[in-house]
Amino acid sequence: QVQLVESGGGLVQPGGSLRLSCAASGSIGIIGTMAWYRQAPGKERELVATITRTGSTYSANSVKGRFTISRDNIKNTVYLQMNSLKVDDTAVYYCNAPTTLGNYWGQGTQVTVSS
């Protein structure tokens, strides 16, 4: 049973772009601040970006100016637009949604940046 479904990962060359989506489904409750995390091989999971229900955003210094987080509260979906991708962006990307019914994670989507 998956209530947070991710899509949009893939293989791109350095400098390319990808757009990740994370859609909440079912009785997930009232969603608070949504976030994107990533985990590279051999590395700890790190916070990439967050967005509140009203649209206030935070992004890690490593992705500022390149990644943009957004959300659609009607569709219950959070997005991560990734531009100017670097090899170091290669990771499994996970969305996170704390709600009144629990703390939910997406299944993860692989982003590989390679020439």
N, C-alpha and C. Protein backbone atom coordinates (compact mmCIF):
# COMPACT_ATOMS: atom_id res chain seq x y z
N GLN A 1 0.84 -1.19 0.00
CA GLN A 1 0.00 0.00 0.00
C GLN A 1 0.88 1.25 0.00
N VAL A 2 0.85 1.99 -1.09
CA VAL A 2 1.66 3.19 -1.27
C VAL A 2 0.74 4.39 -1.42
N GLN A 3 0.95 5.38 -0.58
CA GLN A 3 0.12 6.58 -0.63
C GLN A 3 0.89 7.80 -1.10
N LEU A 4 2.18 7.64 -1.37
CA LEU A 4 3.01 8.71 -1.90
C LEU A 4 3.81 8.12 -3.06
N VAL A 5 3.42 8.45 -4.28
CA VAL A 5 3.95 7.82 -5.48
C VAL A 5 4.81 8.80 -6.26
N GLU A 6 6.08 8.44 -6.47
CA GLU A 6 7.03 9.28 -7.18
C GLU A 6 7.17 8.86 -8.63
N SER A 7 7.52 9.83 -9.47
CA SER A 7 7.80 9.56 -10.87
C SER A 7 8.72 10.64 -11.41
N GLY A 8 9.32 10.39 -12.57
CA GLY A 8 10.09 11.40 -13.27
C GLY A 8 11.59 11.21 -13.27
N GLY A 9 12.10 10.23 -12.56
CA GLY A 9 13.53 9.99 -12.55
C GLY A 9 14.00 9.44 -13.88
N GLY A 10 15.32 9.36 -14.02
CA GLY A 10 15.88 8.84 -15.24
C GLY A 10 17.36 9.14 -15.38
N LEU A 11 17.86 8.91 -16.58
CA LEU A 11 19.27 9.13 -16.91
C LEU A 11 19.39 10.37 -17.80
N VAL A 12 20.23 11.30 -17.37
CA VAL A 12 20.47 12.52 -18.14
C VAL A 12 21.95 12.85 -18.16
N GLN A 13 22.34 13.64 -19.15
CA GLN A 13 23.71 14.12 -19.23
C GLN A 13 23.91 15.33 -18.34
N PRO A 14 25.15 15.60 -17.92
CA PRO A 14 25.40 16.84 -17.16
C PRO A 14 24.88 18.05 -17.91
N GLY A 15 24.23 18.95 -17.16
CA GLY A 15 23.61 20.12 -17.76
C GLY A 15 22.16 19.92 -18.15
N GLY A 16 21.69 18.70 -18.10
CA GLY A 16 20.32 18.40 -18.46
C GLY A 16 19.33 18.71 -17.36
N SER A 17 18.06 18.38 -17.62
CA SER A 17 16.98 18.69 -16.69
C SER A 17 16.06 17.50 -16.51
N LEU A 18 15.47 17.41 -15.33
CA LEU A 18 14.44 16.44 -15.02
C LEU A 18 13.41 17.11 -14.11
N ARG A 19 12.18 16.62 -14.16
CA ARG A 19 11.14 17.09 -13.26
C ARG A 19 10.55 15.89 -12.52
N LEU A 20 10.73 15.87 -11.21
CA LEU A 20 10.19 14.82 -10.38
C LEU A 20 8.81 15.20 -9.87
N SER A 21 7.93 14.21 -9.75
CA SER A 21 6.60 14.41 -9.19
C SER A 21 6.39 13.43 -8.06
N CYS A 22 5.61 13.84 -7.08
CA CYS A 22 5.26 13.00 -5.94
C CYS A 22 3.81 13.27 -5.61
N ALA A 23 2.96 12.30 -5.86
CA ALA A 23 1.52 12.46 -5.70
C ALA A 23 1.01 11.66 -4.52
N ALA A 24 0.29 12.33 -3.63
CA ALA A 24 -0.34 11.66 -2.51
C ALA A 24 -1.68 11.09 -2.94
N SER A 25 -1.97 9.88 -2.48
CA SER A 25 -3.22 9.23 -2.81
C SER A 25 -3.82 8.59 -1.57
N GLY A 26 -5.13 8.37 -1.59
CA GLY A 26 -5.81 7.76 -0.47
C GLY A 26 -6.02 8.74 0.67
N SER A 27 -6.35 8.19 1.82
CA SER A 27 -6.62 8.98 3.01
C SER A 27 -5.32 9.29 3.73
N ILE A 28 -4.57 10.23 3.18
CA ILE A 28 -3.26 10.55 3.71
C ILE A 28 -3.34 11.58 4.84
N GLY A 29 -4.46 12.24 5.00
CA GLY A 29 -4.62 13.25 6.03
C GLY A 29 -4.26 14.63 5.52
N ILE A 30 -4.15 15.56 6.45
CA ILE A 30 -3.79 16.93 6.12
C ILE A 30 -2.28 17.03 6.04
N ILE A 31 -1.78 17.42 4.89
CA ILE A 31 -0.35 17.44 4.62
C ILE A 31 0.24 18.78 5.03
N GLY A 32 1.34 18.72 5.76
CA GLY A 32 2.05 19.92 6.16
C GLY A 32 3.13 20.28 5.17
N THR A 33 4.32 20.55 5.69
CA THR A 33 5.45 20.91 4.84
C THR A 33 5.99 19.67 4.12
N MET A 34 5.98 19.70 2.79
CA MET A 34 6.49 18.60 2.00
C MET A 34 7.96 18.83 1.67
N ALA A 35 8.67 17.75 1.43
CA ALA A 35 10.11 17.85 1.24
C ALA A 35 10.61 16.81 0.25
N TRP A 36 11.74 17.13 -0.35
CA TRP A 36 12.51 16.19 -1.16
C TRP A 36 13.83 15.92 -0.47
N TYR A 37 14.19 14.65 -0.37
CA TYR A 37 15.47 14.20 0.11
C TYR A 37 16.16 13.41 -0.99
N ARG A 38 17.46 13.21 -0.84
CA ARG A 38 18.17 12.34 -1.77
C ARG A 38 19.25 11.57 -1.03
N GLN A 39 19.58 10.41 -1.57
CA GLN A 39 20.62 9.58 -0.99
C GLN A 39 21.48 8.99 -2.10
N ALA A 40 22.74 9.37 -2.10
CA ALA A 40 23.70 8.85 -3.06
C ALA A 40 24.35 7.59 -2.50
N PRO A 41 24.90 6.74 -3.37
CA PRO A 41 25.56 5.52 -2.89
C PRO A 41 26.64 5.82 -1.88
N GLY A 42 26.59 5.13 -0.74
CA GLY A 42 27.58 5.31 0.30
C GLY A 42 27.43 6.57 1.11
N LYS A 43 26.39 7.34 0.87
CA LYS A 43 26.18 8.60 1.57
C LYS A 43 24.90 8.56 2.41
N GLU A 44 24.82 9.45 3.39
CA GLU A 44 23.61 9.58 4.18
C GLU A 44 22.55 10.35 3.40
N ARG A 45 21.30 10.11 3.76
CA ARG A 45 20.20 10.83 3.14
C ARG A 45 20.27 12.31 3.53
N GLU A 46 20.13 13.20 2.55
CA GLU A 46 20.22 14.62 2.81
C GLU A 46 18.97 15.35 2.32
N LEU A 47 18.65 16.43 3.01
CA LEU A 47 17.51 17.26 2.64
C LEU A 47 17.86 18.13 1.45
N VAL A 48 16.98 18.13 0.45
CA VAL A 48 17.19 18.91 -0.76
C VAL A 48 16.38 20.19 -0.75
N ALA A 49 15.08 20.08 -0.47
CA ALA A 49 14.20 21.24 -0.51
C ALA A 49 12.92 20.96 0.26
N THR A 50 12.28 22.02 0.74
CA THR A 50 10.99 21.91 1.42
C THR A 50 10.06 23.00 0.91
N ILE A 51 8.76 22.76 1.10
CA ILE A 51 7.75 23.75 0.74
C ILE A 51 6.56 23.62 1.66
N THR A 52 6.10 24.75 2.21
CA THR A 52 4.95 24.75 3.09
C THR A 52 3.66 24.76 2.28
N ARG A 53 2.52 24.62 2.97
CA ARG A 53 1.24 24.64 2.29
C ARG A 53 0.99 25.97 1.58
N THR A 54 1.55 27.04 2.12
CA THR A 54 1.35 28.36 1.55
C THR A 54 2.41 28.76 0.54
N GLY A 55 3.38 27.87 0.29
CA GLY A 55 4.32 28.10 -0.77
C GLY A 55 5.68 28.63 -0.37
N SER A 56 5.96 28.73 0.93
CA SER A 56 7.29 29.15 1.36
C SER A 56 8.27 28.01 1.14
N THR A 57 9.41 28.33 0.56
CA THR A 57 10.36 27.29 0.16
C THR A 57 11.71 27.44 0.84
N TYR A 58 12.38 26.31 0.94
CA TYR A 58 13.76 26.22 1.38
C TYR A 58 14.48 25.28 0.42
N SER A 59 15.72 25.58 0.12
CA SER A 59 16.52 24.67 -0.67
C SER A 59 17.95 24.64 -0.15
N ALA A 60 18.57 23.50 -0.27
CA ALA A 60 19.94 23.34 0.17
C ALA A 60 20.87 24.19 -0.70
N ASN A 61 21.95 24.64 -0.10
CA ASN A 61 22.89 25.48 -0.84
C ASN A 61 23.43 24.79 -2.10
N SER A 62 23.56 23.49 -2.05
CA SER A 62 24.12 22.75 -3.17
C SER A 62 23.22 22.76 -4.40
N VAL A 63 21.94 23.09 -4.23
CA VAL A 63 21.01 23.07 -5.36
C VAL A 63 20.37 24.42 -5.64
N LYS A 64 20.67 25.43 -4.84
CA LYS A 64 20.08 26.75 -5.05
C LYS A 64 20.44 27.30 -6.43
N GLY A 65 19.44 27.85 -7.09
CA GLY A 65 19.63 28.38 -8.43
C GLY A 65 19.48 27.34 -9.51
N ARG A 66 19.39 26.07 -9.13
CA ARG A 66 19.26 24.98 -10.10
C ARG A 66 17.97 24.18 -9.93
N PHE A 67 17.57 23.94 -8.67
CA PHE A 67 16.37 23.15 -8.38
C PHE A 67 15.27 24.07 -7.87
N THR A 68 14.03 23.76 -8.22
CA THR A 68 12.87 24.50 -7.74
C THR A 68 11.81 23.53 -7.26
N ILE A 69 11.38 23.70 -6.01
CA ILE A 69 10.31 22.88 -5.46
C ILE A 69 8.99 23.64 -5.58
N SER A 70 7.92 22.93 -5.88
CA SER A 70 6.60 23.53 -5.97
C SER A 70 5.57 22.48 -5.57
N ARG A 71 4.33 22.92 -5.35
CA ARG A 71 3.28 21.97 -4.98
C ARG A 71 1.93 22.44 -5.49
N ASP A 72 1.05 21.48 -5.66
CA ASP A 72 -0.33 21.71 -6.07
C ASP A 72 -1.20 21.08 -5.00
N ASN A 73 -1.82 21.90 -4.17
CA ASN A 73 -2.60 21.39 -3.06
C ASN A 73 -3.91 20.75 -3.49
N ILE A 74 -4.38 21.08 -4.70
CA ILE A 74 -5.59 20.44 -5.21
C ILE A 74 -5.28 19.02 -5.67
N LYS A 75 -4.15 18.85 -6.34
CA LYS A 75 -3.72 17.53 -6.79
C LYS A 75 -2.95 16.77 -5.71
N ASN A 76 -2.65 17.42 -4.59
CA ASN A 76 -1.84 16.82 -3.53
C ASN A 76 -0.52 16.28 -4.09
N THR A 77 0.14 17.12 -4.84
CA THR A 77 1.37 16.73 -5.52
C THR A 77 2.46 17.75 -5.28
N VAL A 78 3.67 17.26 -5.04
CA VAL A 78 4.84 18.12 -4.92
C VAL A 78 5.79 17.79 -6.07
N TYR A 79 6.46 18.82 -6.58
CA TYR A 79 7.34 18.67 -7.72
C TYR A 79 8.74 19.14 -7.38
N LEU A 80 9.71 18.63 -8.11
CA LEU A 80 11.07 19.12 -8.03
C LEU A 80 11.61 19.28 -9.44
N GLN A 81 11.71 20.53 -9.89
CA GLN A 81 12.30 20.83 -11.19
C GLN A 81 13.80 20.94 -11.02
N MET A 82 14.54 20.10 -11.71
CA MET A 82 15.99 20.04 -11.58
C MET A 82 16.63 20.45 -12.90
N ASN A 83 17.34 21.56 -12.87
CA ASN A 83 18.04 22.06 -14.05
C ASN A 83 19.54 22.06 -13.80
N SER A 84 20.30 22.19 -14.87
CA SER A 84 21.76 22.23 -14.79
C SER A 84 22.31 21.11 -13.93
N LEU A 85 21.85 19.91 -14.19
CA LEU A 85 22.20 18.77 -13.36
C LEU A 85 23.69 18.46 -13.43
N LYS A 86 24.23 18.06 -12.30
CA LYS A 86 25.63 17.70 -12.15
C LYS A 86 25.75 16.22 -11.81
N VAL A 87 26.92 15.67 -12.04
CA VAL A 87 27.17 14.28 -11.70
C VAL A 87 26.90 14.04 -10.21
N ASP A 88 27.23 15.01 -9.37
CA ASP A 88 27.03 14.87 -7.94
C ASP A 88 25.57 14.87 -7.52
N ASP A 89 24.66 15.18 -8.44
CA ASP A 89 23.23 15.10 -8.16
C ASP A 89 22.71 13.67 -8.27
N THR A 90 23.53 12.76 -8.75
CA THR A 90 23.13 11.37 -8.88
C THR A 90 22.77 10.80 -7.52
N ALA A 91 21.55 10.29 -7.39
CA ALA A 91 21.05 9.78 -6.12
C ALA A 91 19.66 9.20 -6.34
N VAL A 92 19.18 8.51 -5.32
CA VAL A 92 17.77 8.16 -5.25
C VAL A 92 17.07 9.30 -4.52
N TYR A 93 16.03 9.83 -5.14
CA TYR A 93 15.30 10.96 -4.59
C TYR A 93 14.00 10.48 -3.96
N TYR A 94 13.73 10.95 -2.74
CA TYR A 94 12.56 10.56 -1.98
C TYR A 94 11.75 11.80 -1.60
N CYS A 95 10.43 11.73 -1.77
CA CYS A 95 9.58 12.79 -1.24
C CYS A 95 9.09 12.40 0.14
N ASN A 96 8.77 13.40 0.93
CA ASN A 96 8.31 13.20 2.30
C ASN A 96 7.13 14.10 2.57
N ALA A 97 6.13 13.56 3.24
CA ALA A 97 4.92 14.32 3.56
C ALA A 97 4.48 14.01 4.98
N PRO A 98 4.81 14.87 5.93
CA PRO A 98 4.23 14.73 7.27
C PRO A 98 2.77 15.14 7.24
N THR A 99 1.90 14.31 7.81
CA THR A 99 0.48 14.60 7.83
C THR A 99 -0.09 14.32 9.21
N THR A 100 -1.36 14.67 9.37
CA THR A 100 -2.04 14.41 10.63
C THR A 100 -2.26 12.92 10.87
N LEU A 101 -2.04 12.09 9.87
CA LEU A 101 -2.22 10.65 10.00
C LEU A 101 -0.91 9.87 10.01
N GLY A 102 0.21 10.55 9.82
CA GLY A 102 1.48 9.87 9.82
C GLY A 102 2.53 10.59 9.00
N ASN A 103 3.74 10.05 9.02
CA ASN A 103 4.86 10.59 8.26
C ASN A 103 5.12 9.66 7.08
N TYR A 104 4.84 10.13 5.86
CA TYR A 104 4.87 9.28 4.68
C TYR A 104 6.07 9.58 3.80
N TRP A 105 6.60 8.52 3.18
CA TRP A 105 7.71 8.61 2.25
C TRP A 105 7.34 7.99 0.91
N GLY A 106 7.84 8.60 -0.16
CA GLY A 106 7.71 7.99 -1.46
C GLY A 106 8.63 6.79 -1.59
N GLN A 107 8.45 6.04 -2.68
CA GLN A 107 9.21 4.81 -2.86
C GLN A 107 10.63 5.06 -3.35
N GLY A 108 10.93 6.28 -3.76
CA GLY A 108 12.23 6.63 -4.28
C GLY A 108 12.27 6.52 -5.79
N THR A 109 12.93 7.47 -6.43
CA THR A 109 13.12 7.43 -7.87
C THR A 109 14.58 7.76 -8.18
N GLN A 110 15.19 6.96 -9.06
CA GLN A 110 16.60 7.09 -9.37
C GLN A 110 16.85 8.22 -10.35
N VAL A 111 17.78 9.09 -10.00
CA VAL A 111 18.27 10.13 -10.90
C VAL A 111 19.75 9.87 -11.13
N THR A 112 20.11 9.64 -12.38
CA THR A 112 21.50 9.38 -12.73
C THR A 112 21.97 10.43 -13.73
N VAL A 113 23.02 11.15 -13.37
CA VAL A 113 23.60 12.17 -14.23
C VAL A 113 24.97 11.66 -14.67
N SER A 114 25.10 11.38 -15.95
CA SER A 114 26.32 10.78 -16.46
C SER A 114 26.49 11.09 -17.93
N SER A 115 27.74 11.26 -18.34
CA SER A 115 28.08 11.46 -19.74
C SER A 115 28.55 10.17 -20.38
